């Protein structure tokens, strides 16, 4: 059967990649402070930054993976989702 269709179709393609990273990441102190709200200096304790960097990365702070890091792809999935808007179907 053929149907006359009018409307808008939106297709969303999501690619999920799970990676295991071992090595160095480059992230600026400015970005860590922006994403976590931490102070530039905290009681002279440099180890406090480890937790802040972890929080910033979890919040999506921009960073670069150093060339010497090891990256192993564990899993890759692709999902497609289609939605219609203002849809009318006639015979």
N, C-alpha and C. Protein backbone atom coordinates (compact mmCIF):
# COMPACT_ATOMS: atom_id res chain seq x y z
N UNK A 1 0.84 -1.18 0.00
CA UNK A 1 0.00 0.00 0.00
C UNK A 1 0.88 1.24 0.00
N UNK A 2 0.42 2.27 -0.64
CA UNK A 2 1.10 3.55 -0.63
C UNK A 2 0.27 4.55 0.17
N UNK A 3 0.96 5.37 0.94
CA UNK A 3 0.30 6.39 1.74
C UNK A 3 0.96 7.74 1.46
N UNK A 4 0.16 8.78 1.46
CA UNK A 4 0.68 10.14 1.33
C UNK A 4 1.06 10.62 2.72
N UNK A 5 2.31 10.97 2.92
CA UNK A 5 2.81 11.35 4.24
C UNK A 5 3.37 12.76 4.18
N UNK A 6 2.95 13.59 5.12
CA UNK A 6 3.51 14.93 5.30
C UNK A 6 3.97 15.06 6.74
N UNK A 7 5.12 15.66 6.94
CA UNK A 7 5.61 15.85 8.30
C UNK A 7 7.11 16.04 8.33
N UNK A 8 7.64 16.07 9.50
CA UNK A 8 9.08 16.21 9.70
C UNK A 8 9.58 14.97 10.41
N UNK A 9 10.70 14.47 9.94
CA UNK A 9 11.28 13.28 10.56
C UNK A 9 12.66 13.66 11.10
N UNK A 10 12.91 13.33 12.35
CA UNK A 10 14.18 13.58 13.00
C UNK A 10 14.82 12.24 13.33
N UNK A 11 16.04 12.05 12.87
CA UNK A 11 16.77 10.82 13.17
C UNK A 11 18.00 11.17 13.98
N UNK A 12 18.14 10.52 15.12
CA UNK A 12 19.28 10.75 16.00
C UNK A 12 20.10 9.47 16.02
N UNK A 13 21.39 9.62 15.71
CA UNK A 13 22.30 8.48 15.75
C UNK A 13 23.29 8.73 16.88
N UNK A 14 23.34 7.80 17.81
CA UNK A 14 24.22 7.91 18.97
C UNK A 14 25.26 6.80 18.88
N UNK A 15 26.52 7.18 18.98
CA UNK A 15 27.60 6.20 19.00
C UNK A 15 28.22 6.23 20.38
N UNK A 16 28.21 5.11 21.05
CA UNK A 16 28.80 4.98 22.38
C UNK A 16 30.06 4.15 22.28
N UNK A 17 31.17 4.69 22.79
CA UNK A 17 32.44 3.97 22.77
C UNK A 17 32.96 3.91 24.20
N UNK A 18 33.18 2.69 24.67
CA UNK A 18 33.77 2.49 25.99
C UNK A 18 35.25 2.20 25.80
N UNK A 19 36.10 3.04 26.44
CA UNK A 19 37.54 2.90 26.29
C UNK A 19 38.21 2.71 27.64
N UNK A 20 39.33 2.05 27.62
CA UNK A 20 40.17 1.94 28.80
C UNK A 20 41.42 2.76 28.50
N UNK A 21 41.71 3.75 29.35
CA UNK A 21 42.84 4.65 29.13
C UNK A 21 43.83 4.48 30.27
N UNK A 22 45.08 4.35 29.91
CA UNK A 22 46.15 4.25 30.89
C UNK A 22 47.27 5.16 30.43
N UNK A 23 47.57 6.16 31.21
CA UNK A 23 48.63 7.09 30.83
C UNK A 23 48.32 8.50 31.26
N UNK A 24 48.85 9.46 30.53
CA UNK A 24 48.73 10.86 30.89
C UNK A 24 47.64 11.57 30.11
N UNK A 25 46.93 12.45 30.82
CA UNK A 25 45.97 13.36 30.20
C UNK A 25 46.45 14.78 30.43
N UNK A 26 46.22 15.64 29.46
CA UNK A 26 46.53 17.05 29.62
C UNK A 26 45.23 17.80 29.88
N UNK A 27 45.17 18.50 31.01
CA UNK A 27 44.00 19.30 31.36
C UNK A 27 44.52 20.54 32.07
N UNK A 28 43.97 21.70 31.73
CA UNK A 28 44.48 22.93 32.32
C UNK A 28 43.89 23.17 33.71
N UNK A 29 44.67 23.83 34.53
CA UNK A 29 44.22 24.19 35.87
C UNK A 29 42.98 25.08 35.78
N UNK A 30 42.96 25.95 34.77
CA UNK A 30 41.83 26.85 34.56
C UNK A 30 40.54 26.06 34.31
N UNK A 31 40.62 25.00 33.49
CA UNK A 31 39.43 24.19 33.21
C UNK A 31 38.98 23.43 34.46
N UNK A 32 39.94 22.91 35.23
CA UNK A 32 39.59 22.19 36.46
C UNK A 32 38.86 23.14 37.41
N UNK A 33 39.37 24.36 37.56
CA UNK A 33 38.72 25.34 38.45
C UNK A 33 37.34 25.71 37.93
N UNK A 34 37.21 25.85 36.60
CA UNK A 34 35.93 26.22 35.99
C UNK A 34 34.87 25.14 36.23
N UNK A 35 35.25 23.87 36.08
CA UNK A 35 34.27 22.78 36.19
C UNK A 35 34.01 22.33 37.62
N UNK A 36 34.91 22.64 38.54
CA UNK A 36 34.71 22.17 39.91
C UNK A 36 34.47 23.30 40.91
N UNK A 37 34.86 24.52 40.55
CA UNK A 37 34.71 25.64 41.49
C UNK A 37 35.78 25.66 42.57
N UNK A 38 36.82 24.86 42.41
CA UNK A 38 37.88 24.82 43.42
C UNK A 38 38.75 26.07 43.34
N UNK A 39 39.52 26.32 44.39
CA UNK A 39 40.42 27.46 44.45
C UNK A 39 41.74 27.10 43.76
N UNK A 40 42.49 28.13 43.35
CA UNK A 40 43.77 27.91 42.68
C UNK A 40 44.79 27.27 43.62
N UNK A 41 44.73 27.60 44.90
CA UNK A 41 45.65 27.03 45.89
C UNK A 41 44.82 26.58 47.08
N UNK A 42 45.12 25.39 47.58
CA UNK A 42 44.38 24.88 48.73
C UNK A 42 45.37 24.43 49.80
N UNK A 43 45.60 25.26 50.75
CA UNK A 43 46.47 24.95 51.90
C UNK A 43 47.83 24.38 51.50
N UNK A 44 48.32 24.73 50.32
CA UNK A 44 49.61 24.26 49.88
C UNK A 44 49.69 22.76 49.67
N UNK A 45 48.54 22.09 49.54
CA UNK A 45 48.51 20.64 49.38
C UNK A 45 48.25 20.28 47.92
N UNK A 46 49.29 19.91 47.15
CA UNK A 46 49.10 19.60 45.74
C UNK A 46 48.29 18.32 45.49
N UNK A 47 48.20 17.45 46.48
CA UNK A 47 47.45 16.20 46.28
C UNK A 47 45.94 16.46 46.20
N UNK A 48 45.48 17.61 46.66
CA UNK A 48 44.06 17.95 46.58
C UNK A 48 43.61 18.03 45.12
N UNK A 49 44.53 18.31 44.22
CA UNK A 49 44.18 18.45 42.81
C UNK A 49 43.76 17.14 42.17
N UNK A 50 44.20 16.00 42.68
CA UNK A 50 43.82 14.72 42.07
C UNK A 50 42.30 14.55 42.08
N UNK A 51 41.68 14.83 43.21
CA UNK A 51 40.23 14.71 43.30
C UNK A 51 39.52 15.73 42.43
N UNK A 52 40.06 16.95 42.34
CA UNK A 52 39.45 17.98 41.50
C UNK A 52 39.53 17.61 40.03
N UNK A 53 40.66 17.07 39.60
CA UNK A 53 40.81 16.67 38.21
C UNK A 53 39.82 15.55 37.89
N UNK A 54 39.69 14.60 38.78
CA UNK A 54 38.74 13.50 38.57
C UNK A 54 37.33 14.05 38.42
N UNK A 55 36.94 14.97 39.31
CA UNK A 55 35.60 15.58 39.22
C UNK A 55 35.42 16.35 37.92
N UNK A 56 36.43 17.10 37.51
CA UNK A 56 36.35 17.90 36.29
C UNK A 56 36.18 16.99 35.07
N UNK A 57 36.93 15.89 35.02
CA UNK A 57 36.80 14.96 33.90
C UNK A 57 35.41 14.34 33.87
N UNK A 58 34.88 13.98 35.04
CA UNK A 58 33.53 13.40 35.11
C UNK A 58 32.47 14.40 34.66
N UNK A 59 32.74 15.70 34.84
CA UNK A 59 31.79 16.74 34.45
C UNK A 59 31.95 17.16 32.99
N UNK A 60 32.92 16.55 32.28
CA UNK A 60 33.07 16.83 30.85
C UNK A 60 34.07 17.91 30.49
N UNK A 61 34.99 18.21 31.38
CA UNK A 61 36.00 19.24 31.10
C UNK A 61 36.84 18.83 29.88
N UNK A 62 37.15 19.79 29.02
CA UNK A 62 37.98 19.48 27.86
C UNK A 62 39.39 19.07 28.28
N UNK A 63 39.92 18.09 27.59
CA UNK A 63 41.26 17.56 27.90
C UNK A 63 41.83 16.91 26.66
N UNK A 64 43.11 16.61 26.70
CA UNK A 64 43.77 15.90 25.60
C UNK A 64 44.43 14.65 26.17
N UNK A 65 44.38 13.59 25.39
CA UNK A 65 45.07 12.36 25.77
C UNK A 65 46.46 12.44 25.17
N UNK A 66 47.48 12.30 26.01
CA UNK A 66 48.86 12.37 25.52
C UNK A 66 49.16 11.22 24.58
N UNK A 67 50.09 11.46 23.68
CA UNK A 67 50.44 10.45 22.69
C UNK A 67 50.99 9.17 23.33
N UNK A 68 51.56 9.28 24.50
CA UNK A 68 52.16 8.10 25.14
C UNK A 68 51.12 7.26 25.87
N UNK A 69 49.87 7.73 25.95
CA UNK A 69 48.84 6.97 26.66
C UNK A 69 48.39 5.77 25.84
N UNK A 70 47.94 4.74 26.55
CA UNK A 70 47.40 3.55 25.93
C UNK A 70 45.88 3.64 25.94
N UNK A 71 45.24 3.51 24.79
CA UNK A 71 43.78 3.54 24.71
C UNK A 71 43.31 2.24 24.07
N UNK A 72 42.46 1.53 24.79
CA UNK A 72 41.94 0.26 24.31
C UNK A 72 40.42 0.38 24.23
N UNK A 73 39.85 0.15 23.05
CA UNK A 73 38.40 0.20 22.88
C UNK A 73 37.83 -1.12 23.40
N UNK A 74 36.96 -1.00 24.42
CA UNK A 74 36.35 -2.18 25.02
C UNK A 74 35.03 -2.55 24.34
N UNK A 75 34.27 -1.53 23.96
CA UNK A 75 32.96 -1.79 23.38
C UNK A 75 32.53 -0.59 22.54
N UNK A 76 31.80 -0.87 21.45
CA UNK A 76 31.27 0.19 20.59
C UNK A 76 29.84 -0.18 20.23
N UNK A 77 28.92 0.74 20.47
CA UNK A 77 27.50 0.52 20.16
C UNK A 77 26.97 1.71 19.39
N UNK A 78 26.08 1.44 18.45
CA UNK A 78 25.43 2.50 17.70
C UNK A 78 23.92 2.32 17.82
N UNK A 79 23.24 3.41 18.16
CA UNK A 79 21.79 3.39 18.33
C UNK A 79 21.17 4.43 17.39
N UNK A 80 20.09 4.07 16.74
CA UNK A 80 19.36 5.00 15.88
C UNK A 80 17.95 5.15 16.43
N UNK A 81 17.52 6.40 16.54
CA UNK A 81 16.17 6.68 17.04
C UNK A 81 15.52 7.68 16.09
N UNK A 82 14.31 7.39 15.64
CA UNK A 82 13.60 8.27 14.71
C UNK A 82 12.32 8.77 15.36
N UNK A 83 12.07 10.06 15.22
CA UNK A 83 10.84 10.68 15.73
C UNK A 83 10.18 11.45 14.60
N UNK A 84 8.86 11.51 14.65
CA UNK A 84 8.09 12.28 13.68
C UNK A 84 7.41 13.45 14.38
N UNK A 85 7.30 14.57 13.66
CA UNK A 85 6.61 15.75 14.17
C UNK A 85 5.70 16.28 13.06
N UNK A 86 4.57 16.82 13.45
CA UNK A 86 3.61 17.37 12.49
C UNK A 86 3.25 16.34 11.42
N UNK A 87 3.01 15.11 11.82
CA UNK A 87 2.80 14.01 10.91
C UNK A 87 1.32 13.84 10.58
N UNK A 88 1.05 13.74 9.29
CA UNK A 88 -0.29 13.37 8.82
C UNK A 88 -0.13 12.28 7.77
N UNK A 89 -1.01 11.30 7.81
CA UNK A 89 -0.98 10.21 6.84
C UNK A 89 -2.36 10.11 6.21
N UNK A 90 -2.39 10.13 4.88
CA UNK A 90 -3.66 10.01 4.12
C UNK A 90 -3.53 8.86 3.13
N UNK A 91 -4.68 8.34 2.74
CA UNK A 91 -4.70 7.31 1.70
C UNK A 91 -4.58 7.94 0.35
